[in-house]
N, C-alpha and C. Protein backbone atom coordinates (compact mmCIF):
# COMPACT_ATOMS: atom_id res chain seq x y z
N MET A 1 -43.75 -32.26 0.49
CA MET A 1 -43.72 -31.18 1.43
C MET A 1 -45.05 -31.18 2.16
N SER A 2 -44.97 -31.02 3.45
CA SER A 2 -46.19 -30.97 4.25
C SER A 2 -46.32 -29.58 4.85
N LYS A 3 -47.54 -29.16 5.04
CA LYS A 3 -47.80 -27.86 5.65
C LYS A 3 -48.51 -28.07 6.97
N THR A 4 -48.12 -27.30 7.96
CA THR A 4 -48.72 -27.37 9.28
C THR A 4 -49.35 -26.03 9.58
N ARG A 5 -50.52 -26.08 10.11
CA ARG A 5 -51.22 -24.84 10.45
C ARG A 5 -50.92 -24.48 11.90
N ALA A 6 -50.48 -23.27 12.11
CA ALA A 6 -50.18 -22.79 13.45
C ALA A 6 -51.06 -21.60 13.75
N ASN A 7 -51.51 -21.48 14.97
CA ASN A 7 -52.37 -20.37 15.38
C ASN A 7 -51.55 -19.44 16.25
N PHE A 8 -51.29 -18.24 15.76
CA PHE A 8 -50.54 -17.25 16.50
C PHE A 8 -51.46 -16.05 16.73
N GLY A 9 -51.90 -15.91 17.96
CA GLY A 9 -52.73 -14.76 18.34
C GLY A 9 -54.05 -14.73 17.61
N ASN A 10 -54.28 -13.65 16.88
CA ASN A 10 -55.58 -13.48 16.23
C ASN A 10 -55.62 -14.04 14.81
N GLY A 11 -54.52 -14.40 14.25
CA GLY A 11 -54.54 -14.92 12.87
C GLY A 11 -53.85 -16.27 12.80
N SER A 12 -53.94 -16.89 11.68
CA SER A 12 -53.25 -18.16 11.49
C SER A 12 -52.31 -18.03 10.29
N CYS A 13 -51.24 -18.78 10.33
CA CYS A 13 -50.30 -18.78 9.21
C CYS A 13 -49.84 -20.21 8.95
N PHE A 14 -49.34 -20.43 7.78
CA PHE A 14 -48.87 -21.75 7.40
C PHE A 14 -47.34 -21.76 7.39
N MET A 15 -46.77 -22.82 7.96
CA MET A 15 -45.32 -23.00 7.92
C MET A 15 -45.02 -24.20 7.03
N ALA A 16 -44.05 -24.06 6.19
CA ALA A 16 -43.65 -25.18 5.33
C ALA A 16 -42.52 -25.94 6.02
N LEU A 17 -42.71 -27.23 6.20
CA LEU A 17 -41.68 -28.09 6.78
C LEU A 17 -41.08 -28.94 5.67
N THR A 18 -39.80 -28.83 5.52
CA THR A 18 -39.15 -29.64 4.48
C THR A 18 -37.94 -30.33 5.07
N GLN A 19 -37.59 -31.43 4.46
CA GLN A 19 -36.37 -32.14 4.81
C GLN A 19 -35.52 -32.22 3.55
N ARG A 20 -34.23 -32.00 3.75
CA ARG A 20 -33.34 -32.05 2.60
C ARG A 20 -32.01 -32.65 3.04
N LEU A 21 -31.53 -33.55 2.26
CA LEU A 21 -30.23 -34.18 2.51
C LEU A 21 -29.32 -33.81 1.35
N GLU A 22 -28.18 -33.25 1.68
CA GLU A 22 -27.26 -32.82 0.64
C GLU A 22 -25.91 -33.45 0.90
N PHE A 23 -25.32 -34.01 -0.15
CA PHE A 23 -24.02 -34.65 -0.05
C PHE A 23 -23.16 -34.14 -1.20
N ARG A 24 -21.99 -33.64 -0.87
CA ARG A 24 -21.07 -33.18 -1.90
C ARG A 24 -19.76 -33.93 -1.75
N HIS A 25 -19.21 -34.33 -2.88
CA HIS A 25 -17.96 -35.09 -2.89
C HIS A 25 -17.04 -34.48 -3.94
N SER A 26 -15.79 -34.32 -3.58
CA SER A 26 -14.83 -33.82 -4.56
C SER A 26 -13.57 -34.67 -4.49
N GLN A 27 -12.85 -34.69 -5.59
CA GLN A 27 -11.64 -35.48 -5.67
C GLN A 27 -10.59 -34.65 -6.39
N SER A 28 -9.37 -34.73 -5.91
CA SER A 28 -8.30 -34.00 -6.57
C SER A 28 -7.04 -34.84 -6.58
N LEU A 29 -6.19 -34.59 -7.55
CA LEU A 29 -4.93 -35.30 -7.67
C LEU A 29 -3.81 -34.36 -7.26
N VAL A 30 -2.99 -34.81 -6.34
CA VAL A 30 -1.87 -34.00 -5.89
C VAL A 30 -0.61 -34.54 -6.56
N MET A 31 0.07 -33.68 -7.29
CA MET A 31 1.30 -34.08 -7.96
C MET A 31 2.46 -33.90 -6.99
N SER A 32 2.85 -34.97 -6.35
CA SER A 32 3.97 -34.91 -5.41
C SER A 32 5.28 -34.79 -6.21
N PRO A 33 6.33 -34.32 -5.58
CA PRO A 33 7.62 -34.25 -6.28
C PRO A 33 8.09 -35.62 -6.81
N GLN A 34 7.83 -36.68 -6.04
CA GLN A 34 8.22 -38.02 -6.48
C GLN A 34 7.44 -38.44 -7.72
N LEU A 35 6.14 -38.11 -7.75
CA LEU A 35 5.33 -38.47 -8.91
C LEU A 35 5.77 -37.69 -10.14
N MET A 36 6.08 -36.41 -9.97
CA MET A 36 6.54 -35.61 -11.10
C MET A 36 7.88 -36.14 -11.63
N GLN A 37 8.78 -36.55 -10.72
CA GLN A 37 10.06 -37.10 -11.16
C GLN A 37 9.87 -38.43 -11.87
N ALA A 38 8.98 -39.26 -11.37
CA ALA A 38 8.73 -40.55 -12.01
C ALA A 38 8.18 -40.37 -13.42
N ILE A 39 7.26 -39.45 -13.60
CA ILE A 39 6.70 -39.19 -14.93
C ILE A 39 7.79 -38.69 -15.87
N LYS A 40 8.64 -37.80 -15.36
CA LYS A 40 9.74 -37.26 -16.17
C LYS A 40 10.70 -38.38 -16.60
N LEU A 41 11.07 -39.26 -15.65
CA LEU A 41 12.03 -40.32 -15.95
C LEU A 41 11.44 -41.37 -16.90
N LEU A 42 10.17 -41.64 -16.78
CA LEU A 42 9.54 -42.63 -17.66
C LEU A 42 9.50 -42.17 -19.12
N GLN A 43 9.56 -40.87 -19.33
CA GLN A 43 9.50 -40.33 -20.68
C GLN A 43 10.87 -40.27 -21.36
N LEU A 44 11.94 -40.49 -20.60
CA LEU A 44 13.29 -40.39 -21.15
C LEU A 44 13.66 -41.62 -21.97
N SER A 45 14.49 -41.40 -22.98
CA SER A 45 15.03 -42.53 -23.74
C SER A 45 16.12 -43.20 -22.90
N ASN A 46 16.61 -44.34 -23.35
CA ASN A 46 17.64 -45.07 -22.61
C ASN A 46 18.90 -44.22 -22.48
N LEU A 47 19.29 -43.55 -23.55
CA LEU A 47 20.48 -42.71 -23.53
C LEU A 47 20.31 -41.53 -22.58
N ASP A 48 19.15 -40.87 -22.64
CA ASP A 48 18.90 -39.74 -21.75
C ASP A 48 18.82 -40.18 -20.29
N LEU A 49 18.25 -41.34 -20.05
CA LEU A 49 18.17 -41.86 -18.68
C LEU A 49 19.56 -42.16 -18.13
N THR A 50 20.42 -42.75 -18.96
CA THR A 50 21.80 -43.03 -18.54
C THR A 50 22.52 -41.73 -18.22
N ARG A 51 22.35 -40.74 -19.06
CA ARG A 51 22.98 -39.44 -18.84
C ARG A 51 22.48 -38.80 -17.54
N PHE A 52 21.18 -38.90 -17.29
CA PHE A 52 20.59 -38.34 -16.07
C PHE A 52 21.18 -39.02 -14.83
N VAL A 53 21.29 -40.35 -14.86
CA VAL A 53 21.83 -41.09 -13.72
C VAL A 53 23.28 -40.70 -13.49
N GLU A 54 24.07 -40.57 -14.57
CA GLU A 54 25.46 -40.18 -14.42
C GLU A 54 25.59 -38.79 -13.79
N GLU A 55 24.74 -37.86 -14.22
CA GLU A 55 24.78 -36.51 -13.65
C GLU A 55 24.40 -36.53 -12.17
N GLU A 56 23.40 -37.32 -11.80
CA GLU A 56 22.99 -37.41 -10.41
C GLU A 56 24.09 -38.03 -9.54
N LEU A 57 24.79 -39.03 -10.09
CA LEU A 57 25.89 -39.65 -9.34
C LEU A 57 27.02 -38.65 -9.11
N GLU A 58 27.27 -37.77 -10.08
CA GLU A 58 28.33 -36.78 -9.92
C GLU A 58 27.93 -35.67 -8.95
N CYS A 59 26.66 -35.27 -8.98
CA CYS A 59 26.20 -34.13 -8.17
C CYS A 59 25.94 -34.50 -6.71
N ASN A 60 25.48 -35.70 -6.46
CA ASN A 60 25.06 -36.09 -5.12
C ASN A 60 26.11 -37.01 -4.50
N PRO A 61 26.83 -36.54 -3.49
CA PRO A 61 27.87 -37.37 -2.88
C PRO A 61 27.32 -38.56 -2.09
N LEU A 62 26.05 -38.57 -1.79
CA LEU A 62 25.47 -39.69 -1.03
C LEU A 62 25.09 -40.87 -1.91
N LEU A 63 25.06 -40.66 -3.22
CA LEU A 63 24.73 -41.76 -4.14
C LEU A 63 26.00 -42.53 -4.49
N GLU A 64 25.84 -43.84 -4.60
CA GLU A 64 26.95 -44.70 -5.00
C GLU A 64 26.50 -45.61 -6.12
N ARG A 65 27.42 -45.91 -7.00
CA ARG A 65 27.12 -46.87 -8.07
C ARG A 65 27.23 -48.27 -7.48
N ALA A 66 26.27 -49.11 -7.76
CA ALA A 66 26.31 -50.49 -7.28
C ALA A 66 27.46 -51.22 -7.96
N SER A 67 28.15 -52.06 -7.23
CA SER A 67 29.26 -52.81 -7.82
C SER A 67 28.71 -53.83 -8.81
N ASP A 68 29.49 -54.13 -9.83
CA ASP A 68 29.05 -55.07 -10.85
C ASP A 68 28.88 -56.48 -10.30
N ASP A 69 29.67 -56.85 -9.29
CA ASP A 69 29.55 -58.18 -8.69
C ASP A 69 28.21 -58.35 -7.99
N ALA A 70 27.81 -57.36 -7.22
CA ALA A 70 26.56 -57.45 -6.47
C ALA A 70 25.36 -57.33 -7.39
N ALA A 71 25.43 -56.44 -8.36
CA ALA A 71 24.28 -56.22 -9.23
C ALA A 71 24.19 -57.28 -10.32
N GLY A 72 25.32 -57.85 -10.73
CA GLY A 72 25.31 -58.80 -11.85
C GLY A 72 24.54 -60.06 -11.56
N ALA A 73 24.60 -60.56 -10.36
CA ALA A 73 23.93 -61.82 -10.04
C ALA A 73 22.41 -61.67 -10.03
N ASP A 74 21.92 -60.54 -9.55
CA ASP A 74 20.49 -60.36 -9.43
C ASP A 74 19.89 -59.49 -10.52
N ALA A 75 20.72 -58.90 -11.35
CA ALA A 75 20.20 -57.97 -12.35
C ALA A 75 19.42 -58.73 -13.42
N PRO A 76 18.24 -58.23 -13.77
CA PRO A 76 17.47 -58.89 -14.82
C PRO A 76 18.10 -58.66 -16.19
N THR A 77 18.00 -59.63 -17.05
CA THR A 77 18.51 -59.47 -18.40
C THR A 77 17.48 -58.73 -19.23
N GLU A 78 17.93 -58.15 -20.32
CA GLU A 78 16.99 -57.46 -21.20
C GLU A 78 16.10 -58.49 -21.88
N VAL A 79 14.96 -58.02 -22.35
CA VAL A 79 14.00 -58.90 -23.00
C VAL A 79 14.66 -59.52 -24.23
N GLY A 80 14.59 -60.82 -24.35
CA GLY A 80 15.14 -61.51 -25.51
C GLY A 80 16.60 -61.90 -25.37
N GLN A 81 17.27 -61.52 -24.29
CA GLN A 81 18.66 -61.89 -24.08
C GLN A 81 18.74 -62.94 -22.98
N PHE A 82 19.38 -64.05 -23.29
CA PHE A 82 19.51 -65.14 -22.33
C PHE A 82 20.96 -65.59 -22.28
N SER A 83 21.38 -66.04 -21.14
CA SER A 83 22.74 -66.57 -21.01
C SER A 83 22.78 -67.98 -21.59
N ALA A 84 24.01 -68.50 -21.77
CA ALA A 84 24.17 -69.85 -22.32
C ALA A 84 23.54 -70.88 -21.38
N GLU A 85 23.67 -70.64 -20.06
CA GLU A 85 23.09 -71.59 -19.10
C GLU A 85 21.57 -71.60 -19.19
N GLU A 86 20.98 -70.44 -19.37
CA GLU A 86 19.51 -70.37 -19.48
C GLU A 86 19.03 -71.03 -20.76
N MET A 87 19.78 -70.86 -21.85
CA MET A 87 19.39 -71.48 -23.12
C MET A 87 19.50 -72.99 -23.04
N ALA A 88 20.48 -73.52 -22.28
CA ALA A 88 20.64 -74.96 -22.15
C ALA A 88 19.48 -75.57 -21.38
N GLU A 89 18.85 -74.79 -20.49
CA GLU A 89 17.75 -75.31 -19.69
C GLU A 89 16.44 -75.40 -20.48
N VAL A 90 16.32 -74.66 -21.56
CA VAL A 90 15.10 -74.65 -22.35
C VAL A 90 15.10 -75.86 -23.27
N PRO A 91 14.08 -76.73 -23.20
CA PRO A 91 14.06 -77.90 -24.08
C PRO A 91 13.84 -77.47 -25.53
N ALA A 92 14.50 -78.16 -26.44
CA ALA A 92 14.36 -77.86 -27.87
C ALA A 92 13.00 -78.33 -28.35
N ARG A 93 12.44 -77.61 -29.31
CA ARG A 93 11.16 -78.02 -29.90
C ARG A 93 11.39 -79.19 -30.84
N THR A 94 10.51 -80.15 -30.79
CA THR A 94 10.63 -81.30 -31.68
C THR A 94 9.88 -81.08 -32.97
N SER A 95 8.89 -80.20 -32.94
CA SER A 95 8.13 -79.92 -34.15
C SER A 95 8.23 -78.44 -34.46
N PRO A 96 8.17 -78.09 -35.73
CA PRO A 96 8.24 -76.68 -36.08
C PRO A 96 7.02 -75.93 -35.55
N MET A 97 7.21 -74.64 -35.37
CA MET A 97 6.10 -73.81 -34.88
C MET A 97 5.06 -73.71 -35.98
N PRO A 98 3.77 -73.73 -35.62
CA PRO A 98 2.72 -73.59 -36.63
C PRO A 98 2.74 -72.17 -37.20
N PRO A 99 2.33 -72.02 -38.47
CA PRO A 99 2.32 -70.68 -39.10
C PRO A 99 1.31 -69.77 -38.50
């Protein structure tokens, strides 16, 4: 801090000159309806999720169930389940797996 002497009339006084830089930052999380629904659905079991989807299909006339022909070709298989064609493509191990 520096002080400057100023002469005003018959007396003198000191003025304090200071510089200050202030920065404030805040952050907040907005829970959108989509985010709240995603969190809710991620917590459901497989049975509860199936029930929820069935209820939504019944309540909302704009929703349609995908046909099995269209979804079957591109639908991912569950972890650990492979078709016969996929198993035929995997080469057999010649040596046993190490312990």
